[in-house]
C-alpha cells in the first residue's frame, strides 16, 4: 500500500473532498473552484488518484467527471492513510 508520504497536499485535499462528499461527481474545473487551485494541477492529481483506483473517472464527449471509488476496502485504505 502506498503511504501518505507519496501523496501531494493537493491529492490529500481532493481525497478529503470526496470522502466528505462521497456521492459527488466533480470535474477538474469544479474541483479547481472548490479548492482554489489551477485546473491543470487538479487534472494531474485526479488522474494519479484514478491510477491508484481511489477515484473513478466517467468521461463523456464534453467532459470527465470524477467520483470516489465504491470499493469499501479502498475507501478504508484512504481513510487510514489520511488518518481519518
PDB file of N, CA and C in Angstrom:
ATOM      1  N   UNK A   1       0.850  -1.182   0.000  1.00  0.00           N
ATOM      2  CA  UNK A   1       0.000   0.000   0.000  1.00  0.00           C
ATOM      3  C   UNK A   1       0.887   1.235   0.000  1.00  0.00           C
ATOM      4  N   UNK A   2       0.600   2.163  -0.891  1.00  0.00           N
ATOM      5  CA  UNK A   2       1.360   3.396  -0.944  1.00  0.00           C
ATOM      6  C   UNK A   2       0.959   4.274   0.225  1.00  0.00           C
ATOM      7  N   UNK A   3       1.929   4.870   0.875  1.00  0.00           N
ATOM      8  CA  UNK A   3       1.664   5.644   2.070  1.00  0.00           C
ATOM      9  C   UNK A   3       1.344   7.094   1.801  1.00  0.00           C
ATOM     10  N   UNK A   4       1.058   7.773   2.892  1.00  0.00           N
ATOM     11  CA  UNK A   4       0.693   9.181   2.832  1.00  0.00           C
ATOM     12  C   UNK A   4       1.822  10.040   2.301  1.00  0.00           C
ATOM     13  N   UNK A   5       3.067   9.614   2.535  1.00  0.00           N
ATOM     14  CA  UNK A   5       4.197  10.424   2.096  1.00  0.00           C
ATOM     15  C   UNK A   5       4.262  10.539   0.576  1.00  0.00           C
ATOM     16  N   UNK A   6       3.620   9.623  -0.123  1.00  0.00           N
ATOM     17  CA  UNK A   6       3.642   9.679  -1.586  1.00  0.00           C
ATOM     18  C   UNK A   6       2.505  10.535  -2.151  1.00  0.00           C
ATOM     19  N   UNK A   7       1.687  11.113  -1.274  1.00  0.00           N
ATOM     20  CA  UNK A   7       0.580  11.967  -1.710  1.00  0.00           C
ATOM     21  C   UNK A   7       0.957  13.432  -1.600  1.00  0.00           C
ATOM     22  N   UNK A   8       0.606  14.201  -2.611  1.00  0.00           N
ATOM     23  CA  UNK A   8       0.813  15.648  -2.541  1.00  0.00           C
ATOM     24  C   UNK A   8      -0.282  16.269  -1.679  1.00  0.00           C
ATOM     25  N   UNK A   9      -0.060  17.492  -1.262  1.00  0.00           N
ATOM     26  CA  UNK A   9      -1.073  18.211  -0.479  1.00  0.00           C
ATOM     27  C   UNK A   9      -2.361  18.338  -1.286  1.00  0.00           C
ATOM     28  N   UNK A  10      -2.241  18.561  -2.581  1.00  0.00           N
ATOM     29  CA  UNK A  10      -3.422  18.685  -3.438  1.00  0.00           C
ATOM     30  C   UNK A  10      -4.182  17.356  -3.520  1.00  0.00           C
ATOM     31  N   UNK A  11      -3.473  16.259  -3.661  1.00  0.00           N
ATOM     32  CA  UNK A  11      -4.124  14.952  -3.685  1.00  0.00           C
ATOM     33  C   UNK A  11      -4.862  14.695  -2.372  1.00  0.00           C
ATOM     34  N   UNK A  12      -4.262  15.081  -1.264  1.00  0.00           N
ATOM     35  CA  UNK A  12      -4.902  14.920   0.040  1.00  0.00           C
ATOM     36  C   UNK A  12      -6.194  15.740   0.110  1.00  0.00           C
ATOM     37  N   UNK A  13      -6.139  16.971  -0.390  1.00  0.00           N
ATOM     38  CA  UNK A  13      -7.334  17.827  -0.401  1.00  0.00           C
ATOM     39  C   UNK A  13      -8.445  17.194  -1.231  1.00  0.00           C
ATOM     40  N   UNK A  14      -8.079  16.674  -2.377  1.00  0.00           N
ATOM     41  CA  UNK A  14      -9.062  16.053  -3.267  1.00  0.00           C
ATOM     42  C   UNK A  14      -9.690  14.835  -2.586  1.00  0.00           C
ATOM     43  N   UNK A  15      -8.873  13.999  -1.994  1.00  0.00           N
ATOM     44  CA  UNK A  15      -9.408  12.811  -1.321  1.00  0.00           C
ATOM     45  C   UNK A  15     -10.317  13.196  -0.164  1.00  0.00           C
ATOM     46  N   UNK A  16      -9.921  14.200   0.611  1.00  0.00           N
ATOM     47  CA  UNK A  16     -10.766  14.659   1.719  1.00  0.00           C
ATOM     48  C   UNK A  16     -12.104  15.186   1.195  1.00  0.00           C
ATOM     49  N   UNK A  17     -12.054  15.929   0.092  1.00  0.00           N
ATOM     50  CA  UNK A  17     -13.288  16.429  -0.518  1.00  0.00           C
ATOM     51  C   UNK A  17     -14.227  15.269  -0.839  1.00  0.00           C
ATOM     52  N   UNK A  18     -13.697  14.262  -1.522  1.00  0.00           N
ATOM     53  CA  UNK A  18     -14.551  13.150  -1.935  1.00  0.00           C
ATOM     54  C   UNK A  18     -15.016  12.304  -0.758  1.00  0.00           C
ATOM     55  N   UNK A  19     -14.218  12.193   0.282  1.00  0.00           N
ATOM     56  CA  UNK A  19     -14.678  11.480   1.478  1.00  0.00           C
ATOM     57  C   UNK A  19     -15.813  12.242   2.155  1.00  0.00           C
ATOM     58  N   UNK A  20     -15.717  13.565   2.178  1.00  0.00           N
ATOM     59  CA  UNK A  20     -16.756  14.394   2.790  1.00  0.00           C
ATOM     60  C   UNK A  20     -18.003  14.495   1.923  1.00  0.00           C
ATOM     61  N   UNK A  21     -17.843  14.308   0.618  1.00  0.00           N
ATOM     62  CA  UNK A  21     -18.947  14.382  -0.350  1.00  0.00           C
ATOM     63  C   UNK A  21     -18.933  13.092  -1.168  1.00  0.00           C
ATOM     64  N   UNK A  22     -19.187  11.980  -0.500  1.00  0.00           N
ATOM     65  CA  UNK A  22     -18.963  10.666  -1.107  1.00  0.00           C
ATOM     66  C   UNK A  22     -19.843  10.370  -2.321  1.00  0.00           C
ATOM     67  N   UNK A  23     -20.930  11.106  -2.503  1.00  0.00           N
ATOM     68  CA  UNK A  23     -21.786  10.902  -3.675  1.00  0.00           C
ATOM     69  C   UNK A  23     -21.530  11.916  -4.780  1.00  0.00           C
ATOM     70  N   UNK A  24     -20.528  12.748  -4.598  1.00  0.00           N
ATOM     71  CA  UNK A  24     -20.241  13.801  -5.564  1.00  0.00           C
ATOM     72  C   UNK A  24     -19.675  13.235  -6.864  1.00  0.00           C
ATOM     73  N   UNK A  25     -20.048  13.893  -7.954  1.00  0.00           N
ATOM     74  CA  UNK A  25     -19.412  13.695  -9.259  1.00  0.00           C
ATOM     75  C   UNK A  25     -18.892  15.073  -9.623  1.00  0.00           C
ATOM     76  N   UNK A  26     -17.584  15.188  -9.769  1.00  0.00           N
ATOM     77  CA  UNK A  26     -16.989  16.508  -9.955  1.00  0.00           C
ATOM     78  C   UNK A  26     -16.003  16.489 -11.118  1.00  0.00           C
ATOM     79  N   UNK A  27     -15.910  17.612 -11.807  1.00  0.00           N
ATOM     80  CA  UNK A  27     -14.955  17.777 -12.900  1.00  0.00           C
ATOM     81  C   UNK A  27     -13.686  18.440 -12.360  1.00  0.00           C
ATOM     82  N   UNK A  28     -12.638  18.424 -13.159  1.00  0.00           N
ATOM     83  CA  UNK A  28     -11.395  19.095 -12.761  1.00  0.00           C
ATOM     84  C   UNK A  28     -11.655  20.586 -12.545  1.00  0.00           C
ATOM     85  N   UNK A  29     -12.439  21.190 -13.417  1.00  0.00           N
ATOM     86  CA  UNK A  29     -12.745  22.616 -13.273  1.00  0.00           C
ATOM     87  C   UNK A  29     -13.533  22.874 -11.983  1.00  0.00           C
ATOM     88  N   UNK A  30     -14.497  21.999 -11.691  1.00  0.00           N
ATOM     89  CA  UNK A  30     -15.263  22.129 -10.463  1.00  0.00           C
ATOM     90  C   UNK A  30     -14.385  21.979  -9.232  1.00  0.00           C
ATOM     91  N   UNK A  31     -13.479  21.017  -9.275  1.00  0.00           N
ATOM     92  CA  UNK A  31     -12.550  20.821  -8.153  1.00  0.00           C
ATOM     93  C   UNK A  31     -11.649  22.039  -7.994  1.00  0.00           C
ATOM     94  N   UNK A  32     -11.229  22.612  -9.100  1.00  0.00           N
ATOM     95  CA  UNK A  32     -10.384  23.806  -9.039  1.00  0.00           C
ATOM     96  C   UNK A  32     -11.117  24.945  -8.338  1.00  0.00           C
ATOM     97  N   UNK A  33     -12.404  25.075  -8.603  1.00  0.00           N
ATOM     98  CA  UNK A  33     -13.219  26.093  -7.946  1.00  0.00           C
ATOM     99  C   UNK A  33     -13.346  25.794  -6.455  1.00  0.00           C
ATOM    100  N   UNK A  34     -13.662  24.551  -6.109  1.00  0.00           N
ATOM    101  CA  UNK A  34     -13.811  24.155  -4.709  1.00  0.00           C
ATOM    102  C   UNK A  34     -12.524  24.381  -3.925  1.00  0.00           C
ATOM    103  N   UNK A  35     -11.388  24.016  -4.533  1.00  0.00           N
ATOM    104  CA  UNK A  35     -10.127  24.011  -3.805  1.00  0.00           C
ATOM    105  C   UNK A  35      -9.256  25.232  -4.064  1.00  0.00           C
ATOM    106  N   UNK A  36      -9.659  26.075  -5.010  1.00  0.00           N
ATOM    107  CA  UNK A  36      -8.876  27.268  -5.313  1.00  0.00           C
ATOM    108  C   UNK A  36      -7.516  26.948  -5.907  1.00  0.00           C
ATOM    109  N   UNK A  37      -7.470  25.940  -6.770  1.00  0.00           N
ATOM    110  CA  UNK A  37      -6.216  25.515  -7.396  1.00  0.00           C
ATOM    111  C   UNK A  37      -6.329  25.616  -8.911  1.00  0.00           C
ATOM    112  N   UNK A  38      -5.204  25.519  -9.574  1.00  0.00           N
ATOM    113  CA  UNK A  38      -5.172  25.581 -11.038  1.00  0.00           C
ATOM    114  C   UNK A  38      -5.785  24.311 -11.628  1.00  0.00           C
ATOM    115  N   UNK A  39      -6.660  24.454 -12.638  1.00  0.00           N
ATOM    116  CA  UNK A  39      -7.293  23.279 -13.242  1.00  0.00           C
ATOM    117  C   UNK A  39      -6.293  22.232 -13.762  1.00  0.00           C
ATOM    118  N   UNK A  40      -5.161  22.675 -14.312  1.00  0.00           N
ATOM    119  CA  UNK A  40      -4.179  21.714 -14.834  1.00  0.00           C
ATOM    120  C   UNK A  40      -3.578  20.879 -13.704  1.00  0.00           C
ATOM    121  N   UNK A  41      -3.307  21.507 -12.566  1.00  0.00           N
ATOM    122  CA  UNK A  41      -2.766  20.781 -11.416  1.00  0.00           C
ATOM    123  C   UNK A  41      -3.805  19.807 -10.873  1.00  0.00           C
ATOM    124  N   UNK A  42      -5.045  20.258 -10.830  1.00  0.00           N
ATOM    125  CA  UNK A  42      -6.141  19.396 -10.370  1.00  0.00           C
ATOM    126  C   UNK A  42      -6.275  18.191 -11.290  1.00  0.00           C
ATOM    127  N   UNK A  43      -6.259  18.429 -12.590  1.00  0.00           N
ATOM    128  CA  UNK A  43      -6.399  17.347 -13.569  1.00  0.00           C
ATOM    129  C   UNK A  43      -5.308  16.302 -13.378  1.00  0.00           C
ATOM    130  N   UNK A  44      -4.087  16.736 -13.202  1.00  0.00           N
ATOM    131  CA  UNK A  44      -2.978  15.810 -12.988  1.00  0.00           C
ATOM    132  C   UNK A  44      -3.169  15.008 -11.701  1.00  0.00           C
ATOM    133  N   UNK A  45      -3.563  15.678 -10.633  1.00  0.00           N
ATOM    134  CA  UNK A  45      -3.784  14.994  -9.354  1.00  0.00           C
ATOM    135  C   UNK A  45      -4.937  14.000  -9.464  1.00  0.00           C
ATOM    136  N   UNK A  46      -6.022  14.395 -10.126  1.00  0.00           N
ATOM    137  CA  UNK A  46      -7.162  13.499 -10.301  1.00  0.00           C
ATOM    138  C   UNK A  46      -6.750  12.248 -11.072  1.00  0.00           C
ATOM    139  N   UNK A  47      -6.013  12.427 -12.142  1.00  0.00           N
ATOM    140  CA  UNK A  47      -5.585  11.282 -12.950  1.00  0.00           C
ATOM    141  C   UNK A  47      -4.710  10.330 -12.135  1.00  0.00           C
ATOM    142  N   UNK A  48      -3.835  10.875 -11.305  1.00  0.00           N
ATOM    143  CA  UNK A  48      -2.984   9.998 -10.495  1.00  0.00           C
ATOM    144  C   UNK A  48      -3.809   9.233  -9.465  1.00  0.00           C
ATOM    145  N   UNK A  49      -4.864   9.842  -8.941  1.00  0.00           N
ATOM    146  CA  UNK A  49      -5.734   9.158  -7.982  1.00  0.00           C
ATOM    147  C   UNK A  49      -6.597   8.103  -8.666  1.00  0.00           C
ATOM    148  N   UNK A  50      -6.952   8.340  -9.921  1.00  0.00           N
ATOM    149  CA  UNK A  50      -7.648   7.316 -10.715  1.00  0.00           C
ATOM    150  C   UNK A  50      -6.702   6.137 -10.964  1.00  0.00           C
ATOM    151  N   UNK A  51      -5.435   6.432 -11.253  1.00  0.00           N
ATOM    152  CA  UNK A  51      -4.451   5.369 -11.474  1.00  0.00           C
ATOM    153  C   UNK A  51      -4.315   4.467 -10.247  1.00  0.00           C
ATOM    154  N   UNK A  52      -4.482   5.035  -9.059  1.00  0.00           N
ATOM    155  CA  UNK A  52      -4.418   4.258  -7.807  1.00  0.00           C
ATOM    156  C   UNK A  52      -5.749   3.566  -7.504  1.00  0.00           C
ATOM    157  N   UNK A  53      -6.748   3.840  -8.322  1.00  0.00           N
ATOM    158  CA  UNK A  53      -8.100   3.290  -8.199  1.00  0.00           C
ATOM    159  C   UNK A  53      -8.853   3.852  -6.993  1.00  0.00           C
ATOM    160  N   UNK A  54      -8.395   4.965  -6.447  1.00  0.00           N
ATOM    161  CA  UNK A  54      -9.081   5.604  -5.332  1.00  0.00           C
ATOM    162  C   UNK A  54     -10.235   6.466  -5.829  1.00  0.00           C
ATOM    163  N   UNK A  55     -10.122   6.940  -7.068  1.00  0.00           N
ATOM    164  CA  UNK A  55     -11.206   7.665  -7.735  1.00  0.00           C
ATOM    165  C   UNK A  55     -11.541   6.923  -9.020  1.00  0.00           C
ATOM    166  N   UNK A  56     -12.757   7.140  -9.490  1.00  0.00           N
ATOM    167  CA  UNK A  56     -13.175   6.613 -10.788  1.00  0.00           C
ATOM    168  C   UNK A  56     -13.437   7.794 -11.704  1.00  0.00           C
ATOM    169  N   UNK A  57     -13.154   7.625 -12.986  1.00  0.00           N
ATOM    170  CA  UNK A  57     -13.444   8.681 -13.949  1.00  0.00           C
ATOM    171  C   UNK A  57     -14.562   8.225 -14.866  1.00  0.00           C
ATOM    172  N   UNK A  58     -15.400   9.188 -15.243  1.00  0.00           N
ATOM    173  CA  UNK A  58     -16.561   8.935 -16.087  1.00  0.00           C
ATOM    174  C   UNK A  58     -16.546   9.977 -17.205  1.00  0.00           C
ATOM    175  N   UNK A  59     -16.137   9.568 -18.393  1.00  0.00           N
ATOM    176  CA  UNK A  59     -15.946  10.503 -19.497  1.00  0.00           C
ATOM    177  C   UNK A  59     -17.154  10.533 -20.429  1.00  0.00           C
ATOM    178  N   UNK A  60     -17.467  11.742 -20.897  1.00  0.00           N
ATOM    179  CA  UNK A  60     -18.424  11.946 -21.973  1.00  0.00           C
ATOM    180  C   UNK A  60     -17.672  12.663 -23.085  1.00  0.00           C
ATOM    181  N   UNK A  61     -18.357  13.002 -24.165  1.00  0.00           N
ATOM    182  CA  UNK A  61     -17.695  13.741 -25.238  1.00  0.00           C
ATOM    183  C   UNK A  61     -17.221  15.114 -24.759  1.00  0.00           C
ATOM    184  N   UNK A  62     -17.954  15.707 -23.824  1.00  0.00           N
ATOM    185  CA  UNK A  62     -17.678  17.082 -23.422  1.00  0.00           C
ATOM    186  C   UNK A  62     -16.775  17.208 -22.201  1.00  0.00           C
ATOM    187  N   UNK A  63     -16.844  16.260 -21.277  1.00  0.00           N
ATOM    188  CA  UNK A  63     -16.074  16.416 -20.037  1.00  0.00           C
ATOM    189  C   UNK A  63     -15.893  15.092 -19.330  1.00  0.00           C
ATOM    190  N   UNK A  64     -15.057  15.127 -18.296  1.00  0.00           N
ATOM    191  CA  UNK A  64     -14.823  13.946 -17.463  1.00  0.00           C
ATOM    192  C   UNK A  64     -15.199  14.286 -16.034  1.00  0.00           C
ATOM    193  N   UNK A  65     -16.019  13.430 -15.445  1.00  0.00           N
ATOM    194  CA  UNK A  65     -16.390  13.579 -14.046  1.00  0.00           C
ATOM    195  C   UNK A  65     -15.657  12.540 -13.220  1.00  0.00           C
ATOM    196  N   UNK A  66     -15.402  12.885 -11.971  1.00  0.00           N
ATOM    197  CA  UNK A  66     -14.679  12.001 -11.065  1.00  0.00           C
ATOM    198  C   UNK A  66     -15.525  11.716  -9.840  1.00  0.00           C
ATOM    199  N   UNK A  67     -15.427  10.477  -9.343  1.00  0.00           N
ATOM    200  CA  UNK A  67     -16.134  10.067  -8.135  1.00  0.00           C
ATOM    201  C   UNK A  67     -15.193   9.258  -7.256  1.00  0.00           C
ATOM    202  N   UNK A  68     -15.549   9.168  -5.983  1.00  0.00           N
ATOM    203  CA  UNK A  68     -14.824   8.312  -5.059  1.00  0.00           C
ATOM    204  C   UNK A  68     -15.082   6.860  -5.444  1.00  0.00           C
ATOM    205  N   UNK A  69     -14.099   6.020  -5.282  1.00  0.00           N
ATOM    206  CA  UNK A  69     -14.283   4.597  -5.549  1.00  0.00           C
ATOM    207  C   UNK A  69     -15.446   4.048  -4.726  1.00  0.00           C
ATOM    208  N   UNK A  70     -16.104   3.050  -5.244  1.00  0.00           N
ATOM    209  CA  UNK A  70     -17.173   2.391  -4.499  1.00  0.00           C
ATOM    210  C   UNK A  70     -16.642   1.188  -3.719  1.00  0.00           C
ATOM    211  N   UNK A  71     -15.356   0.900  -3.856  1.00  0.00           N
ATOM    212  CA  UNK A  71     -14.722  -0.219  -3.172  1.00  0.00           C
ATOM    213  C   UNK A  71     -14.440   0.164  -1.716  1.00  0.00           C
ATOM    214  N   UNK A  72     -15.156  -0.449  -0.790  1.00  0.00           N
ATOM    215  CA  UNK A  72     -15.027  -0.096   0.632  1.00  0.00           C
ATOM    216  C   UNK A  72     -13.623  -0.331   1.169  1.00  0.00           C
ATOM    217  N   UNK A  73     -12.940  -1.360   0.690  1.00  0.00           N
ATOM    218  CA  UNK A  73     -11.568  -1.613   1.132  1.00  0.00           C
ATOM    219  C   UNK A  73     -10.667  -0.445   0.759  1.00  0.00           C
ATOM    220  N   UNK A  74     -10.839   0.075  -0.451  1.00  0.00           N
ATOM    221  CA  UNK A  74     -10.028   1.203  -0.887  1.00  0.00           C
ATOM    222  C   UNK A  74     -10.395   2.471  -0.124  1.00  0.00           C
ATOM    223  N   UNK A  75     -11.683   2.661   0.152  1.00  0.00           N
ATOM    224  CA  UNK A  75     -12.115   3.822   0.943  1.00  0.00           C
ATOM    225  C   UNK A  75     -11.486   3.746   2.332  1.00  0.00           C
ATOM    226  N   UNK A  76     -11.483   2.570   2.931  1.00  0.00           N
ATOM    227  CA  UNK A  76     -10.858   2.406   4.246  1.00  0.00           C
ATOM    228  C   UNK A  76      -9.359   2.642   4.189  1.00  0.00           C
ATOM    229  N   UNK A  77      -8.740   2.234   3.095  1.00  0.00           N
ATOM    230  CA  UNK A  77      -7.314   2.481   2.892  1.00  0.00           C
ATOM    231  C   UNK A  77      -7.039   3.983   2.839  1.00  0.00           C
ATOM    232  N   UNK A  78      -7.865   4.710   2.115  1.00  0.00           N
ATOM    233  CA  UNK A  78      -7.726   6.166   2.025  1.00  0.00           C
ATOM    234  C   UNK A  78      -7.867   6.800   3.401  1.00  0.00           C
ATOM    235  N   UNK A  79      -8.894   6.384   4.150  1.00  0.00           N
ATOM    236  CA  UNK A  79      -9.113   6.925   5.484  1.00  0.00           C
ATOM    237  C   UNK A  79      -7.915   6.666   6.390  1.00  0.00           C
ATOM    238  N   UNK A  80      -7.349   5.480   6.295  1.00  0.00           N
ATOM    239  CA  UNK A  80      -6.188   5.138   7.118  1.00  0.00           C
ATOM    240  C   UNK A  80      -4.990   6.023   6.747  1.00  0.00           C
ATOM    241  N   UNK A  81      -4.758   6.177   5.467  1.00  0.00           N
ATOM    242  CA  UNK A  81      -3.633   6.999   5.016  1.00  0.00           C
ATOM    243  C   UNK A  81      -3.798   8.445   5.440  1.00  0.00           C
ATOM    244  N   UNK A  82      -5.039   8.952   5.348  1.00  0.00           N
ATOM    245  CA  UNK A  82      -5.300  10.339   5.741  1.00  0.00           C
ATOM    246  C   UNK A  82      -5.515  10.485   7.245  1.00  0.00           C
ATOM    247  N   UNK A  83      -5.436   9.353   7.945  1.00  0.00           N
ATOM    248  CA  UNK A  83      -5.607   9.321   9.399  1.00  0.00           C
ATOM    249  C   UNK A  83      -6.951   9.877   9.832  1.00  0.00           C
ATOM    250  N   UNK A  84      -8.003   9.413   9.153  1.00  0.00           N
ATOM    251  CA  UNK A  84      -9.371   9.822   9.495  1.00  0.00           C
ATOM    252  C   UNK A  84     -10.057   8.752  10.309  1.00  0.00           C
TER     253      UNK A  84
END
